[in-house]
C-alpha cells in the first residue's frame, strides 16, 4: 500500500523535462493541469528514456 503513495517521478525531474520541452512556463504559471495531453505524453516519453538510460548504465 505504501508503494501506491510514492511518486513515480520526482517533481525536480518533471520540472527539468518540462524545461527541456519548453512547457515549464505553463507548469509554473498554471500548473500541470494546463499542459496539453500531447505535451504530458512527451514528458512521460522523456522520463521513460531517462529511466532506460539509467538502467542500462547500472547494468554496465
PDB file of N, CA and C in Angstrom:
ATOM      1  N   UNK A   1       0.824  -1.192   0.000  1.00  0.00           N
ATOM      2  CA  UNK A   1       0.000   0.000   0.000  1.00  0.00           C
ATOM      3  C   UNK A   1       0.869   1.257   0.000  1.00  0.00           C
ATOM      4  N   UNK A   2       1.982   1.240   0.710  1.00  0.00           N
ATOM      5  CA  UNK A   2       2.858   2.402   0.756  1.00  0.00           C
ATOM      6  C   UNK A   2       3.431   2.715  -0.619  1.00  0.00           C
ATOM      7  N   UNK A   3       3.654   1.685  -1.413  1.00  0.00           N
ATOM      8  CA  UNK A   3       4.206   1.900  -2.755  1.00  0.00           C
ATOM      9  C   UNK A   3       3.239   2.695  -3.624  1.00  0.00           C
ATOM     10  N   UNK A   4       1.960   2.560  -3.380  1.00  0.00           N
ATOM     11  CA  UNK A   4       0.986   3.297  -4.176  1.00  0.00           C
ATOM     12  C   UNK A   4       1.094   4.796  -3.946  1.00  0.00           C
ATOM     13  N   UNK A   5       1.516   5.191  -2.769  1.00  0.00           N
ATOM     14  CA  UNK A   5       1.592   6.603  -2.437  1.00  0.00           C
ATOM     15  C   UNK A   5       2.876   7.259  -2.933  1.00  0.00           C
ATOM     16  N   UNK A   6       3.848   6.466  -3.301  1.00  0.00           N
ATOM     17  CA  UNK A   6       5.111   7.029  -3.791  1.00  0.00           C
ATOM     18  C   UNK A   6       4.921   7.595  -5.185  1.00  0.00           C
ATOM     19  N   UNK A   7       5.572   8.692  -5.421  1.00  0.00           N
ATOM     20  CA  UNK A   7       5.515   9.286  -6.760  1.00  0.00           C
ATOM     21  C   UNK A   7       6.452   8.517  -7.678  1.00  0.00           C
ATOM     22  N   UNK A   8       6.038   8.360  -8.911  1.00  0.00           N
ATOM     23  CA  UNK A   8       6.865   7.647  -9.866  1.00  0.00           C
ATOM     24  C   UNK A   8       8.004   8.541 -10.362  1.00  0.00           C
ATOM     25  N   UNK A   9       7.743   9.830 -10.488  1.00  0.00           N
ATOM     26  CA  UNK A   9       8.757  10.783 -10.940  1.00  0.00           C
ATOM     27  C   UNK A   9       8.853  11.887  -9.913  1.00  0.00           C
ATOM     28  N   UNK A  10      10.060  12.294  -9.616  1.00  0.00           N
ATOM     29  CA  UNK A  10      10.223  13.403  -8.682  1.00  0.00           C
ATOM     30  C   UNK A  10       9.768  14.700  -9.347  1.00  0.00           C
ATOM     31  N   UNK A  11       9.393  15.650  -8.534  1.00  0.00           N
ATOM     32  CA  UNK A  11       8.991  16.956  -9.055  1.00  0.00           C
ATOM     33  C   UNK A  11      10.156  17.620  -9.781  1.00  0.00           C
ATOM     34  N   UNK A  12      11.372  17.420  -9.273  1.00  0.00           N
ATOM     35  CA  UNK A  12      12.550  18.004  -9.925  1.00  0.00           C
ATOM     36  C   UNK A  12      12.750  17.432 -11.314  1.00  0.00           C
ATOM     37  N   UNK A  13      12.591  16.124 -11.466  1.00  0.00           N
ATOM     38  CA  UNK A  13      12.748  15.501 -12.775  1.00  0.00           C
ATOM     39  C   UNK A  13      11.686  16.010 -13.736  1.00  0.00           C
ATOM     40  N   UNK A  14      10.436  16.089 -13.268  1.00  0.00           N
ATOM     41  CA  UNK A  14       9.372  16.599 -14.135  1.00  0.00           C
ATOM     42  C   UNK A  14       9.647  18.035 -14.559  1.00  0.00           C
ATOM     43  N   UNK A  15      10.138  18.849 -13.631  1.00  0.00           N
ATOM     44  CA  UNK A  15      10.438  20.245 -13.958  1.00  0.00           C
ATOM     45  C   UNK A  15      11.566  20.326 -14.983  1.00  0.00           C
ATOM     46  N   UNK A  16      12.601  19.519 -14.813  1.00  0.00           N
ATOM     47  CA  UNK A  16      13.718  19.539 -15.765  1.00  0.00           C
ATOM     48  C   UNK A  16      13.267  19.123 -17.155  1.00  0.00           C
ATOM     49  N   UNK A  17      12.439  18.101 -17.226  1.00  0.00           N
ATOM     50  CA  UNK A  17      11.932  17.655 -18.528  1.00  0.00           C
ATOM     51  C   UNK A  17      11.032  18.726 -19.137  1.00  0.00           C
ATOM     52  N   UNK A  18      10.194  19.346 -18.320  1.00  0.00           N
ATOM     53  CA  UNK A  18       9.311  20.416 -18.818  1.00  0.00           C
ATOM     54  C   UNK A  18      10.135  21.564 -19.377  1.00  0.00           C
ATOM     55  N   UNK A  19      11.233  21.912 -18.708  1.00  0.00           N
ATOM     56  CA  UNK A  19      12.117  22.969 -19.212  1.00  0.00           C
ATOM     57  C   UNK A  19      12.706  22.562 -20.548  1.00  0.00           C
ATOM     58  N   UNK A  20      13.161  21.319 -20.636  1.00  0.00           N
ATOM     59  CA  UNK A  20      13.763  20.821 -21.878  1.00  0.00           C
ATOM     60  C   UNK A  20      12.776  20.852 -23.042  1.00  0.00           C
ATOM     61  N   UNK A  21      11.513  20.586 -22.741  1.00  0.00           N
ATOM     62  CA  UNK A  21      10.488  20.540 -23.787  1.00  0.00           C
ATOM     63  C   UNK A  21       9.814  21.888 -24.025  1.00  0.00           C
ATOM     64  N   UNK A  22      10.168  22.886 -23.214  1.00  0.00           N
ATOM     65  CA  UNK A  22       9.622  24.225 -23.425  1.00  0.00           C
ATOM     66  C   UNK A  22       8.234  24.455 -22.857  1.00  0.00           C
ATOM     67  N   UNK A  23       7.798  23.635 -21.914  1.00  0.00           N
ATOM     68  CA  UNK A  23       6.470  23.818 -21.328  1.00  0.00           C
ATOM     69  C   UNK A  23       6.536  24.217 -19.849  1.00  0.00           C
ATOM     70  N   UNK A  24       7.720  24.511 -19.354  1.00  0.00           N
ATOM     71  CA  UNK A  24       7.875  24.819 -17.936  1.00  0.00           C
ATOM     72  C   UNK A  24       7.124  26.085 -17.527  1.00  0.00           C
ATOM     73  N   UNK A  25       7.081  27.084 -18.393  1.00  0.00           N
ATOM     74  CA  UNK A  25       6.360  28.322 -18.052  1.00  0.00           C
ATOM     75  C   UNK A  25       4.884  28.050 -17.797  1.00  0.00           C
ATOM     76  N   UNK A  26       4.294  27.177 -18.588  1.00  0.00           N
ATOM     77  CA  UNK A  26       2.884  26.814 -18.381  1.00  0.00           C
ATOM     78  C   UNK A  26       2.730  26.112 -17.036  1.00  0.00           C
ATOM     79  N   UNK A  27       3.633  25.172 -16.753  1.00  0.00           N
ATOM     80  CA  UNK A  27       3.578  24.438 -15.477  1.00  0.00           C
ATOM     81  C   UNK A  27       3.731  25.404 -14.310  1.00  0.00           C
ATOM     82  N   UNK A  28       4.717  26.294 -14.411  1.00  0.00           N
ATOM     83  CA  UNK A  28       4.996  27.230 -13.323  1.00  0.00           C
ATOM     84  C   UNK A  28       3.835  28.188 -13.084  1.00  0.00           C
ATOM     85  N   UNK A  29       3.251  28.686 -14.152  1.00  0.00           N
ATOM     86  CA  UNK A  29       2.208  29.703 -14.037  1.00  0.00           C
ATOM     87  C   UNK A  29       0.799  29.147 -13.837  1.00  0.00           C
ATOM     88  N   UNK A  30       0.527  27.988 -14.425  1.00  0.00           N
ATOM     89  CA  UNK A  30      -0.845  27.481 -14.427  1.00  0.00           C
ATOM     90  C   UNK A  30      -0.984  26.078 -13.850  1.00  0.00           C
ATOM     91  N   UNK A  31       0.117  25.385 -13.641  1.00  0.00           N
ATOM     92  CA  UNK A  31       0.075  24.023 -13.113  1.00  0.00           C
ATOM     93  C   UNK A  31       0.029  22.982 -14.219  1.00  0.00           C
ATOM     94  N   UNK A  32       0.234  21.735 -13.800  1.00  0.00           N
ATOM     95  CA  UNK A  32       0.276  20.633 -14.767  1.00  0.00           C
ATOM     96  C   UNK A  32      -1.056  20.426 -15.465  1.00  0.00           C
ATOM     97  N   UNK A  33      -2.155  20.824 -14.838  1.00  0.00           N
ATOM     98  CA  UNK A  33      -3.471  20.645 -15.447  1.00  0.00           C
ATOM     99  C   UNK A  33      -3.664  21.452 -16.718  1.00  0.00           C
ATOM    100  N   UNK A  34      -2.837  22.461 -16.913  1.00  0.00           N
ATOM    101  CA  UNK A  34      -2.942  23.300 -18.109  1.00  0.00           C
ATOM    102  C   UNK A  34      -2.031  22.841 -19.242  1.00  0.00           C
ATOM    103  N   UNK A  35      -1.222  21.848 -18.989  1.00  0.00           N
ATOM    104  CA  UNK A  35      -0.325  21.323 -20.028  1.00  0.00           C
ATOM    105  C   UNK A  35      -1.136  20.380 -20.912  1.00  0.00           C
ATOM    106  N   UNK A  36      -0.950  20.497 -22.213  1.00  0.00           N
ATOM    107  CA  UNK A  36      -1.727  19.672 -23.140  1.00  0.00           C
ATOM    108  C   UNK A  36      -1.405  18.190 -22.960  1.00  0.00           C
ATOM    109  N   UNK A  37      -2.341  17.362 -23.357  1.00  0.00           N
ATOM    110  CA  UNK A  37      -2.145  15.909 -23.277  1.00  0.00           C
ATOM    111  C   UNK A  37      -0.932  15.489 -24.098  1.00  0.00           C
ATOM    112  N   UNK A  38      -0.760  16.104 -25.238  1.00  0.00           N
ATOM    113  CA  UNK A  38       0.376  15.776 -26.097  1.00  0.00           C
ATOM    114  C   UNK A  38       1.687  16.086 -25.380  1.00  0.00           C
ATOM    115  N   UNK A  39       1.771  17.257 -24.749  1.00  0.00           N
ATOM    116  CA  UNK A  39       2.996  17.622 -24.042  1.00  0.00           C
ATOM    117  C   UNK A  39       3.223  16.742 -22.815  1.00  0.00           C
ATOM    118  N   UNK A  40       2.146  16.385 -22.116  1.00  0.00           N
ATOM    119  CA  UNK A  40       2.298  15.462 -20.979  1.00  0.00           C
ATOM    120  C   UNK A  40       2.831  14.119 -21.465  1.00  0.00           C
ATOM    121  N   UNK A  41       2.354  13.676 -22.597  1.00  0.00           N
ATOM    122  CA  UNK A  41       2.849  12.435 -23.187  1.00  0.00           C
ATOM    123  C   UNK A  41       4.327  12.534 -23.522  1.00  0.00           C
ATOM    124  N   UNK A  42       4.747  13.690 -24.008  1.00  0.00           N
ATOM    125  CA  UNK A  42       6.162  13.893 -24.320  1.00  0.00           C
ATOM    126  C   UNK A  42       7.005  13.865 -23.051  1.00  0.00           C
ATOM    127  N   UNK A  43       6.473  14.414 -21.948  1.00  0.00           N
ATOM    128  CA  UNK A  43       7.173  14.385 -20.666  1.00  0.00           C
ATOM    129  C   UNK A  43       7.359  12.934 -20.221  1.00  0.00           C
ATOM    130  N   UNK A  44       6.297  12.148 -20.325  1.00  0.00           N
ATOM    131  CA  UNK A  44       6.376  10.737 -19.936  1.00  0.00           C
ATOM    132  C   UNK A  44       7.373   9.998 -20.825  1.00  0.00           C
ATOM    133  N   UNK A  45       7.349  10.272 -22.114  1.00  0.00           N
ATOM    134  CA  UNK A  45       8.276   9.626 -23.042  1.00  0.00           C
ATOM    135  C   UNK A  45       9.726   9.937 -22.659  1.00  0.00           C
ATOM    136  N   UNK A  46      10.013  11.197 -22.341  1.00  0.00           N
ATOM    137  CA  UNK A  46      11.367  11.583 -21.930  1.00  0.00           C
ATOM    138  C   UNK A  46      11.761  10.891 -20.630  1.00  0.00           C
ATOM    139  N   UNK A  47      10.809  10.788 -19.696  1.00  0.00           N
ATOM    140  CA  UNK A  47      11.090  10.137 -18.415  1.00  0.00           C
ATOM    141  C   UNK A  47      11.411   8.658 -18.623  1.00  0.00           C
ATOM    142  N   UNK A  48      10.701   8.016 -19.535  1.00  0.00           N
ATOM    143  CA  UNK A  48      10.972   6.610 -19.850  1.00  0.00           C
ATOM    144  C   UNK A  48      12.359   6.473 -20.457  1.00  0.00           C
ATOM    145  N   UNK A  49      12.716   7.369 -21.372  1.00  0.00           N
ATOM    146  CA  UNK A  49      14.055   7.340 -21.975  1.00  0.00           C
ATOM    147  C   UNK A  49      15.127   7.511 -20.897  1.00  0.00           C
ATOM    148  N   UNK A  50      14.896   8.429 -19.962  1.00  0.00           N
ATOM    149  CA  UNK A  50      15.828   8.666 -18.875  1.00  0.00           C
ATOM    150  C   UNK A  50      15.981   7.405 -18.028  1.00  0.00           C
ATOM    151  N   UNK A  51      14.868   6.763 -17.687  1.00  0.00           N
ATOM    152  CA  UNK A  51      14.899   5.548 -16.863  1.00  0.00           C
ATOM    153  C   UNK A  51      15.620   4.417 -17.591  1.00  0.00           C
ATOM    154  N   UNK A  52      15.370   4.281 -18.893  1.00  0.00           N
ATOM    155  CA  UNK A  52      16.031   3.235 -19.669  1.00  0.00           C
ATOM    156  C   UNK A  52      17.544   3.455 -19.714  1.00  0.00           C
ATOM    157  N   UNK A  53      17.970   4.700 -19.904  1.00  0.00           N
ATOM    158  CA  UNK A  53      19.410   5.009 -19.906  1.00  0.00           C
ATOM    159  C   UNK A  53      20.022   4.722 -18.544  1.00  0.00           C
ATOM    160  N   UNK A  54      19.295   5.091 -17.510  1.00  0.00           N
ATOM    161  CA  UNK A  54      19.778   4.884 -16.148  1.00  0.00           C
ATOM    162  C   UNK A  54      19.942   3.394 -15.856  1.00  0.00           C
ATOM    163  N   UNK A  55      18.973   2.595 -16.274  1.00  0.00           N
ATOM    164  CA  UNK A  55      19.037   1.152 -16.059  1.00  0.00           C
ATOM    165  C   UNK A  55      20.175   0.537 -16.863  1.00  0.00           C
ATOM    166  N   UNK A  56      20.375   1.003 -18.090  1.00  0.00           N
ATOM    167  CA  UNK A  56      21.448   0.488 -18.929  1.00  0.00           C
ATOM    168  C   UNK A  56      22.809   0.803 -18.318  1.00  0.00           C
ATOM    169  N   UNK A  57      22.944   1.993 -17.738  1.00  0.00           N
ATOM    170  CA  UNK A  57      24.211   2.374 -17.105  1.00  0.00           C
ATOM    171  C   UNK A  57      24.473   1.544 -15.859  1.00  0.00           C
ATOM    172  N   UNK A  58      23.434   1.149 -15.151  1.00  0.00           N
ATOM    173  CA  UNK A  58      23.595   0.332 -13.949  1.00  0.00           C
ATOM    174  C   UNK A  58      24.030  -1.074 -14.283  1.00  0.00           C
ATOM    175  N   UNK A  59      23.679  -1.545 -15.453  1.00  0.00           N
ATOM    176  CA  UNK A  59      23.993  -2.920 -15.863  1.00  0.00           C
ATOM    177  C   UNK A  59      25.423  -3.036 -16.375  1.00  0.00           C
ATOM    178  N   UNK A  60      26.073  -1.931 -16.623  1.00  0.00           N
ATOM    179  CA  UNK A  60      27.440  -1.970 -17.165  1.00  0.00           C
ATOM    180  C   UNK A  60      28.436  -2.334 -16.110  1.00  0.00           C
TER     181      UNK A  60
END
